[in-house]
Amino acid sequence: MSDKIRSTFVKNGRESIVMSESEYKGFDLIDIRTFYVDVAGELAPTRKGVTIRAEKLKDFIATLTAFAQAVEEKELEENAVTTD
């Protein structure tokens, strides 16, 4: 991977989730990690996160999508019960 991609979204007032590309021992990796704002005001990594091989990213996304759909269906069912 020559051009490293990095994306961030705010988790809460103190933490953000940072997704980035890296390489280790010849393997292209995707790192999804919680970062916090340190005393200097910079984002610093925590130990909380997951690293997967880039070749598994599509499988990971498919799993997240299926999970999100199941959660949404559950919420719809719960809302239908409370409005009846």
Protein backbone atom coordinates (compact mmCIF):
# COMPACT_ATOMS: atom_id res chain seq x y z
CA MET A 1 0.00 0.00 0.00
CA SER A 2 1.72 3.15 -1.11
CA ASP A 3 -0.89 5.80 -0.28
CA LYS A 4 -1.95 5.35 3.32
CA ILE A 5 -5.59 6.13 4.03
CA ARG A 6 -6.68 7.41 7.45
CA SER A 7 -10.22 8.20 8.56
CA THR A 8 -11.47 9.42 11.93
CA PHE A 9 -14.85 9.82 13.58
CA VAL A 10 -15.70 11.13 17.03
CA LYS A 11 -16.81 8.46 19.50
CA ASN A 12 -17.49 10.87 22.38
CA GLY A 13 -16.04 14.04 23.91
CA ARG A 14 -12.78 12.34 24.86
CA GLU A 15 -12.26 9.62 22.26
CA SER A 16 -12.25 9.08 18.50
CA ILE A 17 -12.11 5.97 16.34
CA VAL A 18 -9.27 6.06 13.82
CA MET A 19 -9.12 3.70 10.85
CA SER A 20 -5.83 3.46 9.03
CA GLU A 21 -3.73 1.36 6.70
CA SER A 22 -0.36 -0.02 7.67
CA GLU A 23 2.08 -2.72 6.67
CA TYR A 24 3.82 -5.26 8.90
CA LYS A 25 6.19 -8.00 7.79
CA GLY A 26 4.93 -7.69 4.22
CA PHE A 27 1.23 -7.84 5.15
CA ASP A 28 -1.14 -4.99 4.33
CA LEU A 29 -3.22 -4.28 7.43
CA ILE A 30 -6.28 -2.28 8.44
CA ASP A 31 -6.20 -0.89 11.97
CA ILE A 32 -9.38 0.29 13.72
CA ARG A 33 -8.41 1.80 17.05
CA THR A 34 -9.71 4.07 19.80
CA PHE A 35 -7.64 7.22 20.25
CA TYR A 36 -7.80 9.79 23.04
CA VAL A 37 -6.77 13.44 23.22
CA ASP A 38 -3.52 13.68 25.19
CA VAL A 39 -2.32 16.61 27.32
CA ALA A 40 -0.79 18.26 24.24
CA GLY A 41 -4.19 18.14 22.50
CA GLU A 42 -3.05 15.50 20.01
CA LEU A 43 -4.77 12.19 19.23
CA ALA A 44 -2.90 9.29 20.82
CA PRO A 45 -3.68 5.57 20.36
CA THR A 46 -5.05 3.32 23.08
CA ARG A 47 -4.74 -0.46 23.30
CA LYS A 48 -8.43 -0.79 22.38
CA GLY A 49 -8.81 -1.79 18.77
CA VAL A 50 -8.54 -4.44 16.14
CA THR A 51 -6.12 -5.04 13.28
CA ILE A 52 -7.06 -7.23 10.33
CA ARG A 53 -5.37 -8.12 7.08
CA ALA A 54 -6.52 -5.89 4.25
CA GLU A 55 -7.59 -8.97 2.28
CA LYS A 56 -10.21 -9.65 4.99
CA LEU A 57 -11.70 -6.14 4.91
CA LYS A 58 -14.65 -7.07 2.67
CA ASP A 59 -15.53 -10.00 4.98
CA PHE A 60 -15.29 -7.68 7.99
CA ILE A 61 -17.58 -5.12 6.32
CA ALA A 62 -20.08 -7.84 5.39
CA THR A 63 -20.14 -9.02 9.01
CA LEU A 64 -20.66 -5.46 10.29
CA THR A 65 -23.43 -4.90 7.75
CA ALA A 66 -25.24 -8.09 8.77
CA PHE A 67 -24.90 -7.11 12.43
CA ALA A 68 -26.23 -3.59 11.75
CA GLN A 69 -29.22 -5.04 9.89
CA ALA A 70 -30.00 -7.43 12.77
CA VAL A 71 -29.83 -4.56 15.28
CA GLU A 72 -32.10 -2.42 13.09
CA GLU A 73 -34.63 -5.25 12.72
CA LYS A 74 -34.62 -5.78 16.49
CA GLU A 75 -35.21 -2.06 17.08
CA LEU A 76 -38.07 -2.05 14.56
CA GLU A 77 -39.67 -5.05 16.29
CA GLU A 78 -39.29 -3.43 19.72
CA ASN A 79 -40.82 -0.17 18.44
CA ALA A 80 -43.74 -2.04 16.89
CA VAL A 81 -44.48 -3.73 20.22
CA THR A 82 -44.39 -0.46 22.18
CA THR A 83 -46.69 1.37 19.74
CA ASP A 84 -49.38 -1.35 19.69
